[in-house]
Amino acid sequence: MLMKMGNKFRQWKFEKRRLEAFSDGVFAIVMTLLVLDLKVPPITHSENAREVWDALVAVRPVFFSWAVSFFFVALIWVHHSNILRMSTGCDYGTTWINTFLMFLICLLPFPTSMMGAYPRSQIIVMLWGLTFSVTTSLLTWFYYYNVKNYLSPNFNKQTAMKNVRFSVLGGPLLYLIAALLAFVSVYISYVIYALVPFLYILPLDKETDKPSPNSMTE
């Protein structure tokens, strides 16, 4: 039954350029909303260097949560853009997976704001990581769907599928582990949250010099 429903989604095509335009708009808005939590701290005597410094130190959790979330969204955007660049087409399956991904991206400012306000709360730090984990899981699903159904012949399908599996073991799993480790130490979670994006600074797939026969759309 699920196979039949999946085939129905594939029968209805969607304009890829509209999906890209919509997604880029969502990413831009969310990255802008994230910075709204960075507010000027109250300072009674601005000429007092010690008081200014203490006020800035007090808002460091807000700055940290903003920075990690900002670069997290930026990396999702980079890989989302590359996945679509690798794709020859788009259907309603692609569109709805993308819609669920955008739903989670739009949700991110909420746990980010809570983390900045309550940086030592194990539950809140865990929820922040779970949001990262589920979001990267949706991105991996989006990646897999496009590689399976719409991979450009300029990419090697076997290599791309290996990269899909690496993506599952990377972002979603590491963020999940970091989220659960919040009950051991929130600082361990913070370190993992900050380091995971460095695994994905560059896209995983490279174009081949010649079209690959095993990359044709199934």
N, C-alpha and C. Protein backbone atom coordinates (compact mmCIF):
# COMPACT_ATOMS: atom_id res chain seq x y z
N MET A 1 0.83 -1.21 0.00
CA MET A 1 0.00 0.00 0.00
C MET A 1 0.87 1.27 0.00
N LEU A 2 1.94 1.22 0.83
CA LEU A 2 2.84 2.37 0.87
C LEU A 2 3.55 2.55 -0.47
N MET A 3 3.87 1.43 -1.13
CA MET A 3 4.52 1.51 -2.43
C MET A 3 3.61 2.17 -3.45
N LYS A 4 2.31 1.79 -3.42
CA LYS A 4 1.37 2.39 -4.35
C LYS A 4 1.23 3.89 -4.11
N MET A 5 1.17 4.28 -2.82
CA MET A 5 1.06 5.70 -2.49
C MET A 5 2.32 6.45 -2.94
N GLY A 6 3.49 5.82 -2.75
CA GLY A 6 4.73 6.44 -3.19
C GLY A 6 4.76 6.65 -4.69
N ASN A 7 4.25 5.67 -5.42
CA ASN A 7 4.19 5.79 -6.89
C ASN A 7 3.26 6.92 -7.31
N LYS A 8 2.17 7.09 -6.58
CA LYS A 8 1.23 8.18 -6.89
C LYS A 8 1.90 9.54 -6.71
N PHE A 9 2.69 9.68 -5.64
CA PHE A 9 3.40 10.93 -5.42
C PHE A 9 4.37 11.22 -6.56
N ARG A 10 4.99 10.16 -7.09
CA ARG A 10 5.96 10.33 -8.16
C ARG A 10 5.29 10.69 -9.48
N GLN A 11 4.04 10.32 -9.65
CA GLN A 11 3.33 10.60 -10.90
C GLN A 11 3.04 12.09 -11.08
N TRP A 12 2.92 12.81 -9.95
CA TRP A 12 2.60 14.24 -10.02
C TRP A 12 3.89 15.04 -9.93
N LYS A 13 4.25 15.69 -11.02
CA LYS A 13 5.50 16.45 -11.08
C LYS A 13 5.31 17.86 -10.51
N PHE A 14 6.43 18.43 -10.05
CA PHE A 14 6.42 19.77 -9.45
C PHE A 14 7.61 20.54 -10.00
N GLU A 15 7.47 21.83 -10.15
CA GLU A 15 8.56 22.65 -10.69
C GLU A 15 9.66 22.81 -9.65
N LYS A 16 10.85 22.35 -10.00
CA LYS A 16 11.97 22.39 -9.06
C LYS A 16 12.35 23.82 -8.69
N ARG A 17 12.26 24.73 -9.64
CA ARG A 17 12.66 26.11 -9.36
C ARG A 17 11.75 26.76 -8.31
N ARG A 18 10.46 26.36 -8.28
CA ARG A 18 9.55 26.90 -7.27
C ARG A 18 9.87 26.33 -5.90
N LEU A 19 10.24 25.05 -5.86
CA LEU A 19 10.64 24.43 -4.59
C LEU A 19 11.89 25.12 -4.05
N GLU A 20 12.85 25.40 -4.92
CA GLU A 20 14.09 26.08 -4.51
C GLU A 20 13.80 27.49 -4.01
N ALA A 21 12.94 28.21 -4.73
CA ALA A 21 12.63 29.59 -4.33
C ALA A 21 11.92 29.63 -2.98
N PHE A 22 10.96 28.75 -2.80
CA PHE A 22 10.23 28.69 -1.53
C PHE A 22 11.18 28.35 -0.38
N SER A 23 12.01 27.34 -0.58
CA SER A 23 12.93 26.90 0.48
C SER A 23 13.94 27.98 0.82
N ASP A 24 14.49 28.65 -0.20
CA ASP A 24 15.46 29.72 0.06
C ASP A 24 14.82 30.84 0.89
N GLY A 25 13.55 31.13 0.61
CA GLY A 25 12.84 32.15 1.38
C GLY A 25 12.69 31.75 2.84
N VAL A 26 12.36 30.48 3.08
CA VAL A 26 12.21 29.99 4.45
C VAL A 26 13.54 30.06 5.19
N PHE A 27 14.60 29.59 4.55
CA PHE A 27 15.93 29.64 5.18
C PHE A 27 16.32 31.07 5.55
N ALA A 28 16.10 32.00 4.64
CA ALA A 28 16.47 33.39 4.89
C ALA A 28 15.69 33.98 6.06
N ILE A 29 14.39 33.69 6.13
CA ILE A 29 13.56 34.23 7.21
C ILE A 29 13.97 33.64 8.55
N VAL A 30 14.19 32.31 8.59
CA VAL A 30 14.56 31.66 9.85
C VAL A 30 15.91 32.15 10.35
N MET A 31 16.88 32.31 9.46
CA MET A 31 18.19 32.80 9.88
C MET A 31 18.10 34.23 10.40
N THR A 32 17.17 35.00 9.88
CA THR A 32 16.95 36.36 10.38
C THR A 32 16.27 36.32 11.74
N LEU A 33 15.28 35.45 11.90
CA LEU A 33 14.55 35.36 13.17
C LEU A 33 15.46 34.93 14.31
N LEU A 34 16.43 34.07 14.02
CA LEU A 34 17.31 33.57 15.07
C LEU A 34 18.06 34.70 15.77
N VAL A 35 18.44 35.73 15.03
CA VAL A 35 19.26 36.79 15.61
C VAL A 35 18.44 37.72 16.51
N LEU A 36 17.12 37.64 16.45
CA LEU A 36 16.28 38.54 17.25
C LEU A 36 16.42 38.29 18.75
N ASP A 37 16.94 37.12 19.12
CA ASP A 37 17.16 36.84 20.55
C ASP A 37 18.39 37.56 21.09
N LEU A 38 19.23 38.07 20.20
CA LEU A 38 20.41 38.82 20.65
C LEU A 38 20.00 40.25 20.95
N LYS A 39 19.77 40.53 22.22
CA LYS A 39 19.34 41.86 22.64
C LYS A 39 20.43 42.53 23.48
N VAL A 40 20.45 43.83 23.45
CA VAL A 40 21.43 44.59 24.24
C VAL A 40 21.14 44.37 25.72
N PRO A 41 22.11 43.89 26.50
CA PRO A 41 21.88 43.65 27.92
C PRO A 41 21.74 44.96 28.69
N PRO A 42 20.96 44.95 29.77
CA PRO A 42 20.82 46.18 30.57
C PRO A 42 22.13 46.54 31.27
N ILE A 43 22.57 47.78 31.08
CA ILE A 43 23.80 48.27 31.70
C ILE A 43 23.51 49.62 32.35
N THR A 44 23.71 49.71 33.64
CA THR A 44 23.40 50.94 34.37
C THR A 44 24.45 52.01 34.12
N HIS A 45 25.73 51.61 34.19
CA HIS A 45 26.82 52.56 34.00
C HIS A 45 27.69 52.07 32.84
N SER A 46 27.38 52.55 31.64
CA SER A 46 28.08 52.08 30.45
C SER A 46 29.56 52.47 30.43
N GLU A 47 29.93 53.45 31.24
CA GLU A 47 31.35 53.85 31.29
C GLU A 47 32.17 52.92 32.19
N ASN A 48 31.49 52.07 32.93
CA ASN A 48 32.16 51.12 33.82
C ASN A 48 32.50 49.85 33.01
N ALA A 49 33.77 49.67 32.69
CA ALA A 49 34.19 48.56 31.84
C ALA A 49 33.85 47.20 32.45
N ARG A 50 33.98 47.09 33.76
CA ARG A 50 33.71 45.81 34.43
C ARG A 50 32.22 45.47 34.32
N GLU A 51 31.37 46.46 34.49
CA GLU A 51 29.93 46.21 34.40
C GLU A 51 29.53 45.82 32.98
N VAL A 52 30.13 46.48 32.00
CA VAL A 52 29.85 46.14 30.60
C VAL A 52 30.29 44.72 30.30
N TRP A 53 31.49 44.37 30.77
CA TRP A 53 32.01 43.02 30.53
C TRP A 53 31.12 41.96 31.19
N ASP A 54 30.71 42.20 32.45
CA ASP A 54 29.84 41.25 33.15
C ASP A 54 28.51 41.08 32.43
N ALA A 55 28.00 42.17 31.88
CA ALA A 55 26.73 42.10 31.15
C ALA A 55 26.88 41.26 29.88
N LEU A 56 28.01 41.43 29.20
CA LEU A 56 28.26 40.65 27.98
C LEU A 56 28.46 39.16 28.30
N VAL A 57 29.15 38.89 29.39
CA VAL A 57 29.36 37.49 29.81
C VAL A 57 28.02 36.84 30.14
N ALA A 58 27.11 37.61 30.71
CA ALA A 58 25.80 37.07 31.11
C ALA A 58 24.97 36.61 29.91
N VAL A 59 25.21 37.20 28.74
CA VAL A 59 24.42 36.82 27.56
C VAL A 59 25.15 35.81 26.68
N ARG A 60 26.25 35.25 27.14
CA ARG A 60 27.00 34.31 26.31
C ARG A 60 26.19 33.07 25.93
N PRO A 61 25.31 32.53 26.81
CA PRO A 61 24.51 31.37 26.35
C PRO A 61 23.61 31.71 25.17
N VAL A 62 23.06 32.94 25.16
CA VAL A 62 22.20 33.37 24.06
C VAL A 62 23.02 33.45 22.77
N PHE A 63 24.22 34.02 22.88
CA PHE A 63 25.09 34.13 21.71
C PHE A 63 25.50 32.75 21.20
N PHE A 64 25.82 31.84 22.12
CA PHE A 64 26.23 30.50 21.72
C PHE A 64 25.10 29.77 21.01
N SER A 65 23.91 29.81 21.58
CA SER A 65 22.77 29.11 20.96
C SER A 65 22.45 29.70 19.60
N TRP A 66 22.56 31.04 19.48
CA TRP A 66 22.33 31.67 18.18
C TRP A 66 23.39 31.23 17.17
N ALA A 67 24.66 31.26 17.55
CA ALA A 67 25.74 30.93 16.61
C ALA A 67 25.63 29.49 16.11
N VAL A 68 25.40 28.55 17.04
CA VAL A 68 25.30 27.14 16.64
C VAL A 68 24.10 26.93 15.73
N SER A 69 22.95 27.52 16.09
CA SER A 69 21.75 27.35 15.27
C SER A 69 21.89 28.02 13.92
N PHE A 70 22.53 29.19 13.89
CA PHE A 70 22.71 29.90 12.62
C PHE A 70 23.53 29.07 11.65
N PHE A 71 24.67 28.54 12.11
CA PHE A 71 25.51 27.76 11.21
C PHE A 71 24.88 26.40 10.90
N PHE A 72 24.08 25.88 11.82
CA PHE A 72 23.34 24.66 11.54
C PHE A 72 22.38 24.88 10.37
N VAL A 73 21.61 25.96 10.42
CA VAL A 73 20.68 26.27 9.33
C VAL A 73 21.44 26.56 8.04
N ALA A 74 22.57 27.26 8.15
CA ALA A 74 23.38 27.56 6.96
C ALA A 74 23.86 26.28 6.29
N LEU A 75 24.29 25.30 7.09
CA LEU A 75 24.76 24.04 6.52
C LEU A 75 23.61 23.24 5.91
N ILE A 76 22.45 23.27 6.55
CA ILE A 76 21.28 22.60 5.98
C ILE A 76 20.97 23.22 4.61
N TRP A 77 21.04 24.55 4.53
CA TRP A 77 20.78 25.25 3.27
C TRP A 77 21.80 24.86 2.20
N VAL A 78 23.08 24.80 2.57
CA VAL A 78 24.13 24.44 1.61
C VAL A 78 23.87 23.05 1.02
N HIS A 79 23.58 22.09 1.89
CA HIS A 79 23.38 20.72 1.42
C HIS A 79 22.03 20.56 0.72
N HIS A 80 21.03 21.26 1.18
CA HIS A 80 19.72 21.25 0.51
C HIS A 80 19.89 21.77 -0.92
N SER A 81 20.63 22.85 -1.09
CA SER A 81 20.86 23.42 -2.42
C SER A 81 21.64 22.46 -3.31
N ASN A 82 22.64 21.80 -2.73
CA ASN A 82 23.43 20.86 -3.52
C ASN A 82 22.61 19.65 -3.93
N ILE A 83 21.76 19.17 -3.05
CA ILE A 83 20.89 18.02 -3.37
C ILE A 83 19.99 18.36 -4.56
N LEU A 84 19.42 19.55 -4.54
CA LEU A 84 18.56 19.96 -5.65
C LEU A 84 19.38 20.17 -6.93
N ARG A 85 20.61 20.63 -6.79
CA ARG A 85 21.47 20.78 -7.96
C ARG A 85 21.78 19.43 -8.58
N MET A 86 21.86 18.39 -7.76
CA MET A 86 22.14 17.04 -8.23
C MET A 86 20.92 16.40 -8.89
N SER A 87 19.76 16.98 -8.67
CA SER A 87 18.51 16.35 -9.11
C SER A 87 18.08 16.84 -10.48
N THR A 88 17.51 15.93 -11.25
CA THR A 88 17.03 16.27 -12.60
C THR A 88 15.57 16.69 -12.59
N GLY A 89 14.87 16.44 -11.50
CA GLY A 89 13.45 16.76 -11.47
C GLY A 89 12.92 16.82 -10.06
N CYS A 90 11.62 16.94 -9.96
CA CYS A 90 10.95 17.11 -8.66
C CYS A 90 9.51 16.63 -8.80
N ASP A 91 9.01 15.96 -7.78
CA ASP A 91 7.62 15.52 -7.79
C ASP A 91 6.97 15.86 -6.44
N TYR A 92 5.74 15.38 -6.25
CA TYR A 92 5.04 15.72 -5.01
C TYR A 92 5.63 15.00 -3.80
N GLY A 93 6.32 13.87 -4.02
CA GLY A 93 7.04 13.23 -2.92
C GLY A 93 8.16 14.13 -2.43
N THR A 94 8.94 14.67 -3.38
CA THR A 94 10.00 15.62 -3.04
C THR A 94 9.44 16.82 -2.30
N THR A 95 8.32 17.32 -2.81
CA THR A 95 7.72 18.54 -2.27
C THR A 95 7.26 18.36 -0.84
N TRP A 96 6.63 17.22 -0.54
CA TRP A 96 6.12 17.03 0.82
C TRP A 96 7.22 16.70 1.82
N ILE A 97 8.24 15.96 1.38
CA ILE A 97 9.39 15.75 2.26
C ILE A 97 10.04 17.09 2.57
N ASN A 98 10.16 17.92 1.56
CA ASN A 98 10.73 19.27 1.74
C ASN A 98 9.86 20.11 2.67
N THR A 99 8.55 19.97 2.57
CA THR A 99 7.64 20.74 3.42
C THR A 99 7.83 20.38 4.89
N PHE A 100 7.96 19.09 5.18
CA PHE A 100 8.20 18.66 6.57
C PHE A 100 9.56 19.17 7.06
N LEU A 101 10.55 19.18 6.16
CA LEU A 101 11.87 19.71 6.52
C LEU A 101 11.78 21.19 6.85
N MET A 102 11.04 21.96 6.04
CA MET A 102 10.87 23.40 6.29
C MET A 102 10.10 23.62 7.60
N PHE A 103 9.17 22.73 7.92
CA PHE A 103 8.43 22.81 9.19
C PHE A 103 9.40 22.78 10.37
N LEU A 104 10.35 21.87 10.32
CA LEU A 104 11.31 21.75 11.42
C LEU A 104 12.29 22.91 11.44
N ILE A 105 12.67 23.38 10.25
CA ILE A 105 13.55 24.55 10.19
C ILE A 105 12.87 25.76 10.83
N CYS A 106 11.58 25.93 10.56
CA CYS A 106 10.83 27.06 11.13
C CYS A 106 10.66 26.92 12.63
N LEU A 107 10.66 25.68 13.13
CA LEU A 107 10.52 25.43 14.57
C LEU A 107 11.78 25.78 15.34
N LEU A 108 12.93 25.75 14.67
CA LEU A 108 14.22 25.86 15.36
C LEU A 108 14.39 27.10 16.24
N PRO A 109 13.89 28.30 15.86
CA PRO A 109 14.08 29.45 16.74
C PRO A 109 13.49 29.26 18.15
N PHE A 110 12.47 28.42 18.28
CA PHE A 110 11.85 28.21 19.60
C PHE A 110 12.79 27.49 20.58
N PRO A 111 13.29 26.26 20.25
CA PRO A 111 14.23 25.63 21.19
C PRO A 111 15.53 26.41 21.34
N THR A 112 15.92 27.15 20.29
CA THR A 112 17.13 27.97 20.39
C THR A 112 16.95 29.08 21.42
N SER A 113 15.78 29.71 21.39
CA SER A 113 15.48 30.76 22.37
C SER A 113 15.44 30.21 23.78
N MET A 114 14.82 29.04 23.94
CA MET A 114 14.74 28.41 25.27
C MET A 114 16.13 28.03 25.78
N MET A 115 16.98 27.52 24.87
CA MET A 115 18.32 27.12 25.29
C MET A 115 19.12 28.33 25.75
N GLY A 116 18.97 29.47 25.03
CA GLY A 116 19.67 30.68 25.43
C GLY A 116 19.23 31.20 26.78
N ALA A 117 17.93 31.00 27.09
CA ALA A 117 17.39 31.49 28.36
C ALA A 117 17.67 30.55 29.52
N TYR A 118 17.72 29.24 29.23
CA TYR A 118 17.92 28.24 30.31
C TYR A 118 19.03 27.27 29.90
N PRO A 119 20.26 27.73 29.84
CA PRO A 119 21.36 26.92 29.29
C PRO A 119 21.74 25.71 30.13
N ARG A 120 21.33 25.67 31.39
CA ARG A 120 21.69 24.53 32.24
C ARG A 120 20.56 23.52 32.41
N SER A 121 19.46 23.76 31.74
CA SER A 121 18.33 22.82 31.82
C SER A 121 18.61 21.60 30.94
N GLN A 122 18.70 20.44 31.55
CA GLN A 122 18.99 19.23 30.79
C GLN A 122 17.90 18.93 29.77
N ILE A 123 16.65 19.13 30.16
CA ILE A 123 15.53 18.85 29.25
C ILE A 123 15.59 19.77 28.03
N ILE A 124 15.83 21.04 28.25
CA ILE A 124 15.85 22.01 27.15
C ILE A 124 17.05 21.76 26.24
N VAL A 125 18.22 21.47 26.80
CA VAL A 125 19.39 21.17 25.98
C VAL A 125 19.15 19.89 25.18
N MET A 126 18.46 18.92 25.79
CA MET A 126 18.12 17.69 25.07
C MET A 126 17.16 17.98 23.91
N LEU A 127 16.13 18.79 24.16
CA LEU A 127 15.16 19.11 23.11
C LEU A 127 15.82 19.84 21.95
N TRP A 128 16.77 20.70 22.28
CA TRP A 128 17.53 21.41 21.24
C TRP A 128 18.23 20.41 20.32
N GLY A 129 18.89 19.42 20.93
CA GLY A 129 19.58 18.40 20.16
C GLY A 129 18.63 17.49 19.39
N LEU A 130 17.50 17.16 20.00
CA LEU A 130 16.51 16.32 19.30
C LEU A 130 15.97 17.03 18.06
N THR A 131 15.80 18.35 18.16
CA THR A 131 15.35 19.12 17.00
C THR A 131 16.39 19.04 15.89
N PHE A 132 17.67 19.16 16.25
CA PHE A 132 18.74 19.01 15.27
C PHE A 132 18.72 17.61 14.64
N SER A 133 18.53 16.60 15.49
CA SER A 133 18.56 15.22 15.02
C SER A 133 17.43 14.93 14.04
N VAL A 134 16.22 15.34 14.38
CA VAL A 134 15.07 15.08 13.51
C VAL A 134 15.20 15.89 12.22
N THR A 135 15.69 17.12 12.33
CA THR A 135 15.86 17.96 11.13
C THR A 135 16.86 17.33 10.16
N THR A 136 18.00 16.88 10.66
CA THR A 136 18.99 16.25 9.79
C THR A 136 18.48 14.90 9.26
N SER A 137 17.61 14.22 10.01
CA SER A 137 17.00 12.99 9.51
C SER A 137 16.11 13.28 8.31
N LEU A 138 15.34 14.37 8.39
CA LEU A 138 14.48 14.76 7.27
C LEU A 138 15.32 15.16 6.07
N LEU A 139 16.44 15.86 6.31
CA LEU A 139 17.33 16.23 5.21
C LEU A 139 17.91 14.98 4.55
N THR A 140 18.26 13.98 5.35
CA THR A 140 18.79 12.73 4.81
C THR A 140 17.74 12.00 3.98
N TRP A 141 16.50 12.01 4.44
CA TRP A 141 15.40 11.42 3.67
C TRP A 141 15.24 12.14 2.34
N PHE A 142 15.30 13.47 2.38
CA PHE A 142 15.22 14.29 1.17
C PHE A 142 16.37 13.94 0.21
N TYR A 143 17.55 13.77 0.78
CA TYR A 143 18.75 13.39 0.03
C TYR A 143 18.54 12.03 -0.64
N TYR A 144 18.11 11.04 0.16
CA TYR A 144 17.89 9.68 -0.35
C TYR A 144 16.85 9.65 -1.47
N TYR A 145 15.75 10.34 -1.27
CA TYR A 145 14.66 10.34 -2.25
C TYR A 145 15.14 10.90 -3.59
N ASN A 146 15.89 11.98 -3.54
CA ASN A 146 16.37 12.59 -4.77
C ASN A 146 17.44 11.75 -5.46
N VAL A 147 18.34 11.16 -4.67
CA VAL A 147 19.36 10.29 -5.25
C VAL A 147 18.72 9.07 -5.89
N LYS A 148 17.74 8.50 -5.23
CA LYS A 148 17.08 7.28 -5.72
C LYS A 148 16.29 7.53 -7.00
N ASN A 149 15.62 8.68 -7.08
CA ASN A 149 14.67 8.90 -8.17
C ASN A 149 15.11 9.91 -9.23
N TYR A 150 15.96 10.87 -8.86
CA TYR A 150 16.23 11.97 -9.79
C TYR A 150 17.70 12.36 -9.90
N LEU A 151 18.60 11.43 -9.62
CA LEU A 151 20.02 11.78 -9.64
C LEU A 151 20.48 12.09 -11.06
N SER A 152 21.17 13.21 -11.21
CA SER A 152 21.73 13.60 -12.51
C SER A 152 22.79 12.59 -12.95
N PRO A 153 22.88 12.31 -14.25
CA PRO A 153 23.91 11.38 -14.75
C PRO A 153 25.33 11.90 -14.54
N ASN A 154 25.48 13.14 -14.11
CA ASN A 154 26.81 13.69 -13.84
C ASN A 154 27.35 13.25 -12.48
N PHE A 155 26.54 12.49 -11.73
CA PHE A 155 26.96 12.00 -10.43
C PHE A 155 26.90 10.48 -10.41
N ASN A 156 27.79 9.87 -9.63
CA ASN A 156 27.82 8.42 -9.50
C ASN A 156 26.80 7.99 -8.44
N LYS A 157 25.84 7.16 -8.86
CA LYS A 157 24.75 6.80 -7.95
C LYS A 157 25.23 5.94 -6.79
N GLN A 158 26.14 5.01 -7.05
CA GLN A 158 26.65 4.15 -5.98
C GLN A 158 27.37 4.97 -4.91
N THR A 159 28.18 5.90 -5.35
CA THR A 159 28.88 6.78 -4.40
C THR A 159 27.90 7.65 -3.64
N ALA A 160 26.90 8.17 -4.33
CA ALA A 160 25.91 9.03 -3.69
C ALA A 160 25.14 8.26 -2.61
N MET A 161 24.81 7.00 -2.89
CA MET A 161 24.09 6.20 -1.90
C MET A 161 24.97 5.93 -0.67
N LYS A 162 26.27 5.76 -0.89
CA LYS A 162 27.18 5.60 0.25
C LYS A 162 27.19 6.87 1.10
N ASN A 163 27.16 8.00 0.44
CA ASN A 163 27.14 9.27 1.16
C ASN A 163 25.83 9.46 1.92
N VAL A 164 24.74 8.93 1.38
CA VAL A 164 23.46 8.97 2.09
C VAL A 164 23.58 8.19 3.39
N ARG A 165 24.18 7.00 3.32
CA ARG A 165 24.34 6.18 4.54
C ARG A 165 25.26 6.87 5.54
N PHE A 166 26.31 7.53 5.05
CA PHE A 166 27.20 8.28 5.94
C PHE A 166 26.43 9.41 6.64
N SER A 167 25.51 10.04 5.90
CA SER A 167 24.71 11.13 6.46
C SER A 167 23.84 10.63 7.61
N VAL A 168 23.31 9.42 7.48
CA VAL A 168 22.49 8.85 8.55
C VAL A 168 23.32 8.64 9.81
N LEU A 169 24.53 8.11 9.63
CA LEU A 169 25.40 7.83 10.78
C LEU A 169 26.04 9.09 11.34
N GLY A 170 26.05 10.15 10.54
CA GLY A 170 26.66 11.40 10.98
C GLY A 170 25.71 12.26 11.77
N GLY A 171 25.10 13.23 11.11
CA GLY A 171 24.27 14.22 11.79
C GLY A 171 23.19 13.67 12.70
N PRO A 172 22.20 12.91 12.17
CA PRO A 172 21.09 12.46 13.02
C PRO A 172 21.54 11.67 14.25
N LEU A 173 22.47 10.74 14.04
CA LEU A 173 22.90 9.89 15.16
C LEU A 173 23.72 10.67 16.18
N LEU A 174 24.66 11.49 15.71
CA LEU A 174 25.50 12.25 16.63
C LEU A 174 24.69 13.26 17.43
N TYR A 175 23.74 13.91 16.78
CA TYR A 175 22.89 14.86 17.51
C TYR A 175 22.01 14.14 18.53
N LEU A 176 21.54 12.95 18.18
CA LEU A 176 20.74 12.17 19.13
C LEU A 176 21.57 11.78 20.34
N ILE A 177 22.79 11.32 20.11
CA ILE A 177 23.69 10.95 21.22
C ILE A 177 23.97 12.17 22.09
N ALA A 178 24.24 13.30 21.44
CA ALA A 178 24.52 14.54 22.20
C ALA A 178 23.31 14.95 23.02
N ALA A 179 22.12 14.79 22.46
CA ALA A 179 20.90 15.15 23.18
C ALA A 179 20.74 14.30 24.43
N LEU A 180 20.99 13.00 24.32
CA LEU A 180 20.85 12.10 25.47
C LEU A 180 21.94 12.35 26.51
N LEU A 181 23.13 12.76 26.04
CA LEU A 181 24.23 13.04 26.97
C LEU A 181 23.99 14.29 27.81
N ALA A 182 22.96 15.06 27.48
CA ALA A 182 22.63 16.24 28.28
C ALA A 182 22.33 15.85 29.72
N PHE A 183 21.86 14.61 29.93
CA PHE A 183 21.56 14.15 31.29
C PHE A 183 22.81 13.72 32.04
N VAL A 184 23.93 13.63 31.30
CA VAL A 184 25.22 13.38 31.94
C VAL A 184 25.91 14.71 32.20
N SER A 185 26.01 15.52 31.14
CA SER A 185 26.60 16.86 31.25
C SER A 185 26.15 17.69 30.05
N VAL A 186 25.55 18.83 30.32
CA VAL A 186 25.11 19.69 29.22
C VAL A 186 26.30 20.22 28.43
N TYR A 187 27.45 20.30 29.07
CA TYR A 187 28.64 20.84 28.40
C TYR A 187 29.17 19.87 27.35
N ILE A 188 29.03 18.56 27.60
CA ILE A 188 29.41 17.57 26.59
C ILE A 188 28.50 17.73 25.37
N SER A 189 27.22 17.92 25.64
CA SER A 189 26.26 18.13 24.55
C SER A 189 26.62 19.36 23.74
N TYR A 190 26.98 20.45 24.44
CA TYR A 190 27.34 21.69 23.75
C TYR A 190 28.53 21.47 22.81
N VAL A 191 29.53 20.74 23.28
CA VAL A 191 30.72 20.50 22.46
C VAL A 191 30.36 19.74 21.19
N ILE A 192 29.53 18.70 21.33
CA ILE A 192 29.14 17.91 20.16
C ILE A 192 28.29 18.74 19.21
N TYR A 193 27.35 19.52 19.77
CA TYR A 193 26.51 20.38 18.91
C TYR A 193 27.37 21.33 18.09
N ALA A 194 28.42 21.84 18.71
CA ALA A 194 29.28 22.82 18.03
C ALA A 194 30.20 22.16 17.01
N LEU A 195 30.58 20.89 17.23
CA LEU A 195 31.57 20.24 16.37
C LEU A 195 30.97 19.51 15.17
N VAL A 196 29.76 18.99 15.31
CA VAL A 196 29.16 18.20 14.23
C VAL A 196 29.13 18.95 12.89
N PRO A 197 28.76 20.23 12.86
CA PRO A 197 28.71 20.93 11.57
C PRO A 197 30.03 20.90 10.79
N PHE A 198 31.17 20.76 11.49
CA PHE A 198 32.45 20.74 10.79
C PHE A 198 32.61 19.49 9.91
N LEU A 199 31.78 18.45 10.17
CA LEU A 199 31.83 17.25 9.33
C LEU A 199 31.21 17.49 7.97
N TYR A 200 30.41 18.55 7.87
CA TYR A 200 29.62 18.76 6.65
C TYR A 200 29.84 20.15 6.04
N ILE A 201 31.02 20.72 6.22
CA ILE A 201 31.29 22.05 5.67
C ILE A 201 31.19 22.02 4.14
N LEU A 202 31.70 20.94 3.53
CA LEU A 202 31.64 20.80 2.08
C LEU A 202 30.61 19.74 1.70
N PRO A 203 29.99 19.88 0.53
CA PRO A 203 29.06 18.85 0.06
C PRO A 203 29.76 17.50 -0.07
N LEU A 204 29.00 16.42 0.05
CA LEU A 204 29.59 15.09 0.02
C LEU A 204 29.83 14.57 -1.39
N ASP A 205 29.08 15.08 -2.35
CA ASP A 205 29.12 14.53 -3.71
C ASP A 205 29.84 15.46 -4.68
N LYS A 206 30.62 14.87 -5.58
CA LYS A 206 31.31 15.61 -6.62
C LYS A 206 30.82 15.13 -7.99
N GLU A 207 30.77 16.07 -8.92
CA GLU A 207 30.39 15.70 -10.28
C GLU A 207 31.52 14.93 -10.94
N THR A 208 31.14 13.93 -11.75
CA THR A 208 32.13 13.16 -12.49
C THR A 208 32.44 13.87 -13.80
N ASP A 209 33.58 13.54 -14.40
CA ASP A 209 33.96 14.16 -15.66
C ASP A 209 33.05 13.74 -16.81
N LYS A 210 32.57 12.49 -16.72
CA LYS A 210 31.68 11.96 -17.74
C LYS A 210 30.41 11.45 -17.09
N PRO A 211 29.27 11.52 -17.79
CA PRO A 211 28.02 10.99 -17.24
C PRO A 211 28.18 9.53 -16.85
N SER A 212 27.68 9.19 -15.69
CA SER A 212 27.79 7.82 -15.19
C SER A 212 26.54 7.03 -15.56
N PRO A 213 26.68 5.84 -16.19
CA PRO A 213 25.50 5.08 -16.61
C PRO A 213 24.66 4.57 -15.46
N ASN A 214 25.28 4.39 -14.28
CA ASN A 214 24.50 3.88 -13.14
C ASN A 214 23.81 5.00 -12.37
N SER A 215 23.85 6.24 -12.91
CA SER A 215 23.19 7.36 -12.26
C SER A 215 21.89 7.74 -12.94
N MET A 216 21.48 6.96 -13.91
CA MET A 216 20.25 7.28 -14.62
C MET A 216 19.06 7.11 -13.69
N THR A 217 18.04 7.92 -13.91
CA THR A 217 16.83 7.86 -13.08
C THR A 217 16.17 6.51 -13.19
N GLU A 218 15.80 5.95 -12.05
CA GLU A 218 15.12 4.67 -12.05
C GLU A 218 13.65 4.85 -12.36
